[in-house]
């Protein structure tokens, strides 16, 4: 009888531990997500309008805008992300020259933790960036555009309110572009809402 009791207790505890391993943790994050919100770009102006008598004299400018992202996780925490953003400012210096950028990038993303309140991830994205300088002169505005390679690398930190809704508390990216014949190193901050399904 003691052997039976010992075997019964052993099997019982093994079963309890096995069930505990299969229990879905709180806030399991779905595989798809769409995020949108505010984007701030501290843009490098290196090389800007180099062929037009160096009209832009400042080396950087703060640009405001928005970003929309779609992410799909293929297996576990590994997935891919597509990012579309636009940032602009009406004046990069006292002369009133406006500057805007649009970027279209995509690449792999990896979610570091998908349970609980915080859900951080990292990503590396590549694609194209389109830049435009608007130069006012004698009542007319001249536009100088350039489209070239762009690459972003960074990380996000989301706060999960429910399994399907989160707040993007912060996303920081290093943004490399090549416009007007020169390399630019810029930095981007994002914040917004995340919808998961």
Protein backbone atom coordinates (compact mmCIF):
# COMPACT_ATOMS: atom_id res chain seq x y z
CA UNK A 1 0.00 0.00 0.00
CA UNK A 2 2.86 2.39 0.72
CA UNK A 3 4.32 1.73 -2.73
CA UNK A 4 0.98 2.47 -4.36
CA UNK A 5 0.65 5.71 -2.36
CA UNK A 6 4.18 6.76 -3.31
CA UNK A 7 3.56 6.04 -7.01
CA UNK A 8 0.17 7.82 -6.86
CA UNK A 9 1.70 10.92 -5.28
CA UNK A 10 4.55 10.90 -7.81
CA UNK A 11 2.14 10.68 -10.78
CA UNK A 12 -0.16 13.30 -9.22
CA UNK A 13 2.62 15.85 -8.75
CA UNK A 14 4.03 15.16 -12.23
CA UNK A 15 0.57 15.80 -13.66
CA UNK A 16 0.23 19.07 -11.74
CA UNK A 17 3.62 20.26 -12.98
CA UNK A 18 2.76 19.24 -16.56
CA UNK A 19 -0.50 21.23 -16.44
CA UNK A 20 1.33 24.25 -15.08
CA UNK A 21 3.69 24.11 -18.06
CA UNK A 22 0.82 24.17 -20.57
CA UNK A 23 -1.09 27.06 -18.97
CA UNK A 24 -1.14 30.12 -21.25
CA UNK A 25 0.55 33.04 -19.50
CA UNK A 26 -1.31 36.30 -18.99
CA UNK A 27 -1.17 38.70 -21.98
CA UNK A 28 0.00 36.29 -24.67
CA UNK A 29 0.58 38.66 -27.61
CA UNK A 30 -0.97 37.74 -31.02
CA UNK A 31 1.18 37.32 -34.13
CA UNK A 32 0.02 40.40 -36.11
CA UNK A 33 0.20 44.04 -35.09
CA UNK A 34 -0.46 47.44 -36.61
CA UNK A 35 0.94 50.53 -34.93
CA UNK A 36 0.53 54.21 -35.73
CA UNK A 37 1.40 57.43 -34.02
CA UNK A 38 3.69 60.42 -33.63
CA UNK A 39 7.22 60.40 -35.05
CA UNK A 40 10.01 62.86 -34.29
CA UNK A 41 13.11 62.82 -36.51
CA UNK A 42 16.32 64.61 -35.55
CA UNK A 43 17.47 64.80 -39.16
CA UNK A 44 21.01 65.30 -40.37
CA UNK A 45 21.22 67.86 -43.18
CA UNK A 46 24.69 66.79 -44.27
CA UNK A 47 25.01 67.29 -48.03
CA UNK A 48 21.68 69.13 -48.29
CA UNK A 49 21.53 71.28 -51.43
CA UNK A 50 25.29 71.06 -51.90
CA UNK A 51 24.87 71.98 -55.55
CA UNK A 52 22.87 75.13 -54.93
CA UNK A 53 25.40 77.45 -53.32
CA UNK A 54 25.02 75.67 -49.95
CA UNK A 55 21.73 77.41 -49.16
CA UNK A 56 21.18 75.19 -46.11
CA UNK A 57 23.65 76.24 -43.45
CA UNK A 58 22.35 74.26 -40.44
CA UNK A 59 23.72 70.75 -39.89
CA UNK A 60 20.51 69.24 -38.44
CA UNK A 61 16.84 69.97 -37.90
CA UNK A 62 13.93 68.61 -35.86
CA UNK A 63 11.11 67.20 -37.98
CA UNK A 64 7.63 66.19 -36.78
CA UNK A 65 5.36 63.66 -38.42
CA UNK A 66 3.80 60.22 -38.21
CA UNK A 67 4.65 56.55 -38.76
CA UNK A 68 2.57 53.48 -39.58
CA UNK A 69 3.98 49.98 -39.06
CA UNK A 70 2.80 46.44 -39.69
CA UNK A 71 4.49 43.44 -38.06
CA UNK A 72 3.88 39.72 -38.46
CA UNK A 73 5.63 37.12 -36.36
CA UNK A 74 6.27 33.97 -38.38
CA UNK A 75 7.45 31.59 -35.67
CA UNK A 76 7.74 32.34 -31.99
CA UNK A 77 9.31 35.75 -31.51
CA UNK A 78 10.88 36.16 -34.97
CA UNK A 79 9.02 38.11 -37.64
CA UNK A 80 9.14 40.95 -40.15
CA UNK A 81 8.13 44.61 -40.03
CA UNK A 82 7.10 47.14 -42.69
CA UNK A 83 7.39 50.85 -41.83
CA UNK A 84 6.06 53.93 -43.63
CA UNK A 85 6.75 57.37 -42.17
CA UNK A 86 6.71 61.05 -43.06
CA UNK A 87 8.39 63.93 -41.24
CA UNK A 88 8.62 67.60 -42.11
CA UNK A 89 9.39 71.11 -40.92
CA UNK A 90 8.46 74.45 -42.42
CA UNK A 91 11.86 76.01 -41.79
CA UNK A 92 15.24 74.37 -41.17
CA UNK A 93 16.94 77.76 -40.75
CA UNK A 94 15.99 81.47 -40.54
CA UNK A 95 15.76 81.77 -44.34
CA UNK A 96 12.52 79.70 -44.32
CA UNK A 97 13.73 76.64 -46.27
CA UNK A 98 11.35 73.73 -45.65
CA UNK A 99 12.41 70.09 -45.48
CA UNK A 100 10.46 66.84 -45.56
CA UNK A 101 11.27 63.13 -45.73
CA UNK A 102 9.26 60.01 -46.47
CA UNK A 103 10.66 56.54 -45.85
CA UNK A 104 9.49 53.07 -46.92
CA UNK A 105 11.45 50.33 -45.18
CA UNK A 106 11.01 46.69 -44.15
CA UNK A 107 13.03 43.95 -42.50
CA UNK A 108 13.29 41.41 -39.67
CA UNK A 109 12.11 42.05 -36.12
CA UNK A 110 12.54 40.00 -32.97
CA UNK A 111 10.29 40.23 -29.92
CA UNK A 112 12.37 39.84 -26.76
CA UNK A 113 9.42 39.15 -24.45
CA UNK A 114 5.75 38.65 -25.33
CA UNK A 115 4.07 38.04 -21.99
CA UNK A 116 3.13 40.41 -19.21
CA UNK A 117 2.83 44.20 -19.38
CA UNK A 118 6.07 45.09 -21.19
CA UNK A 119 6.80 43.77 -24.67
CA UNK A 120 10.19 44.93 -26.04
CA UNK A 121 11.49 44.13 -29.53
CA UNK A 122 14.40 44.96 -31.84
CA UNK A 123 14.47 45.41 -35.62
CA UNK A 124 16.68 46.14 -38.63
CA UNK A 125 14.95 47.69 -41.66
CA UNK A 126 16.07 48.77 -45.13
CA UNK A 127 14.43 50.46 -48.10
CA UNK A 128 14.20 53.89 -49.69
CA UNK A 129 13.88 57.46 -48.44
CA UNK A 130 12.58 60.47 -50.36
CA UNK A 131 13.78 63.93 -49.29
CA UNK A 132 12.54 67.35 -50.43
CA UNK A 133 13.90 70.84 -49.79
CA UNK A 134 11.45 73.68 -50.50
CA UNK A 135 13.34 76.91 -51.12
CA UNK A 136 11.34 80.19 -51.26
CA UNK A 137 12.73 82.82 -53.62
CA UNK A 138 11.10 85.95 -55.03
CA UNK A 139 7.56 84.80 -54.23
CA UNK A 140 8.12 81.35 -55.74
CA UNK A 141 9.04 78.07 -54.04
CA UNK A 142 11.57 75.77 -55.70
CA UNK A 143 11.67 72.08 -54.75
CA UNK A 144 14.83 69.96 -54.76
CA UNK A 145 14.10 66.24 -54.33
CA UNK A 146 16.24 63.15 -53.93
CA UNK A 147 15.36 59.46 -53.49
CA UNK A 148 17.99 57.05 -52.20
CA UNK A 149 18.81 54.16 -49.87
CA UNK A 150 17.71 54.17 -46.22
CA UNK A 151 18.37 51.82 -43.28
CA UNK A 152 17.03 51.85 -39.72
CA UNK A 153 18.03 49.88 -36.64
CA UNK A 154 16.47 50.18 -33.22
CA UNK A 155 14.09 48.87 -30.62
CA UNK A 156 10.58 49.33 -29.26
CA UNK A 157 8.99 49.12 -25.84
CA UNK A 158 5.24 48.48 -25.69
CA UNK A 159 2.95 48.51 -22.68
CA UNK A 160 0.23 45.88 -23.13
CA UNK A 161 -3.17 47.05 -21.90
CA UNK A 162 -4.99 43.94 -23.19
CA UNK A 163 -3.84 41.07 -25.42
CA UNK A 164 -5.00 43.13 -28.42
CA UNK A 165 -4.25 46.76 -27.49
CA UNK A 166 -0.96 48.29 -26.40
CA UNK A 167 0.70 51.67 -26.08
CA UNK A 168 4.00 52.15 -27.88
CA UNK A 169 5.80 53.82 -25.00
CA UNK A 170 8.97 54.40 -27.01
CA UNK A 171 10.69 53.40 -30.20
CA UNK A 172 14.21 54.65 -30.85
CA UNK A 173 15.89 54.22 -34.25
CA UNK A 174 19.20 55.10 -35.82
CA UNK A 175 18.30 56.27 -39.34
CA UNK A 176 20.98 56.12 -42.05
CA UNK A 177 20.25 57.79 -45.40
CA UNK A 178 22.21 58.92 -48.46
CA UNK A 179 20.75 62.09 -49.96
CA UNK A 180 22.20 64.77 -52.22
CA UNK A 181 25.49 62.88 -52.58
CA UNK A 182 26.27 62.60 -48.85
CA UNK A 183 25.63 60.28 -45.90
CA UNK A 184 23.23 61.33 -43.13
CA UNK A 185 23.00 59.90 -39.62
CA UNK A 186 19.67 60.79 -38.02
CA UNK A 187 17.74 59.62 -34.96
CA UNK A 188 14.03 58.91 -34.70
CA UNK A 189 11.57 58.58 -31.81
CA UNK A 190 8.09 57.05 -32.13
CA UNK A 191 5.13 56.79 -29.79
CA UNK A 192 1.59 55.67 -30.43
CA UNK A 193 -1.02 52.92 -30.34
CA UNK A 194 -0.59 49.24 -31.21
CA UNK A 195 -3.47 46.98 -32.30
CA UNK A 196 -2.78 43.24 -32.33
CA UNK A 197 -4.79 40.46 -33.92
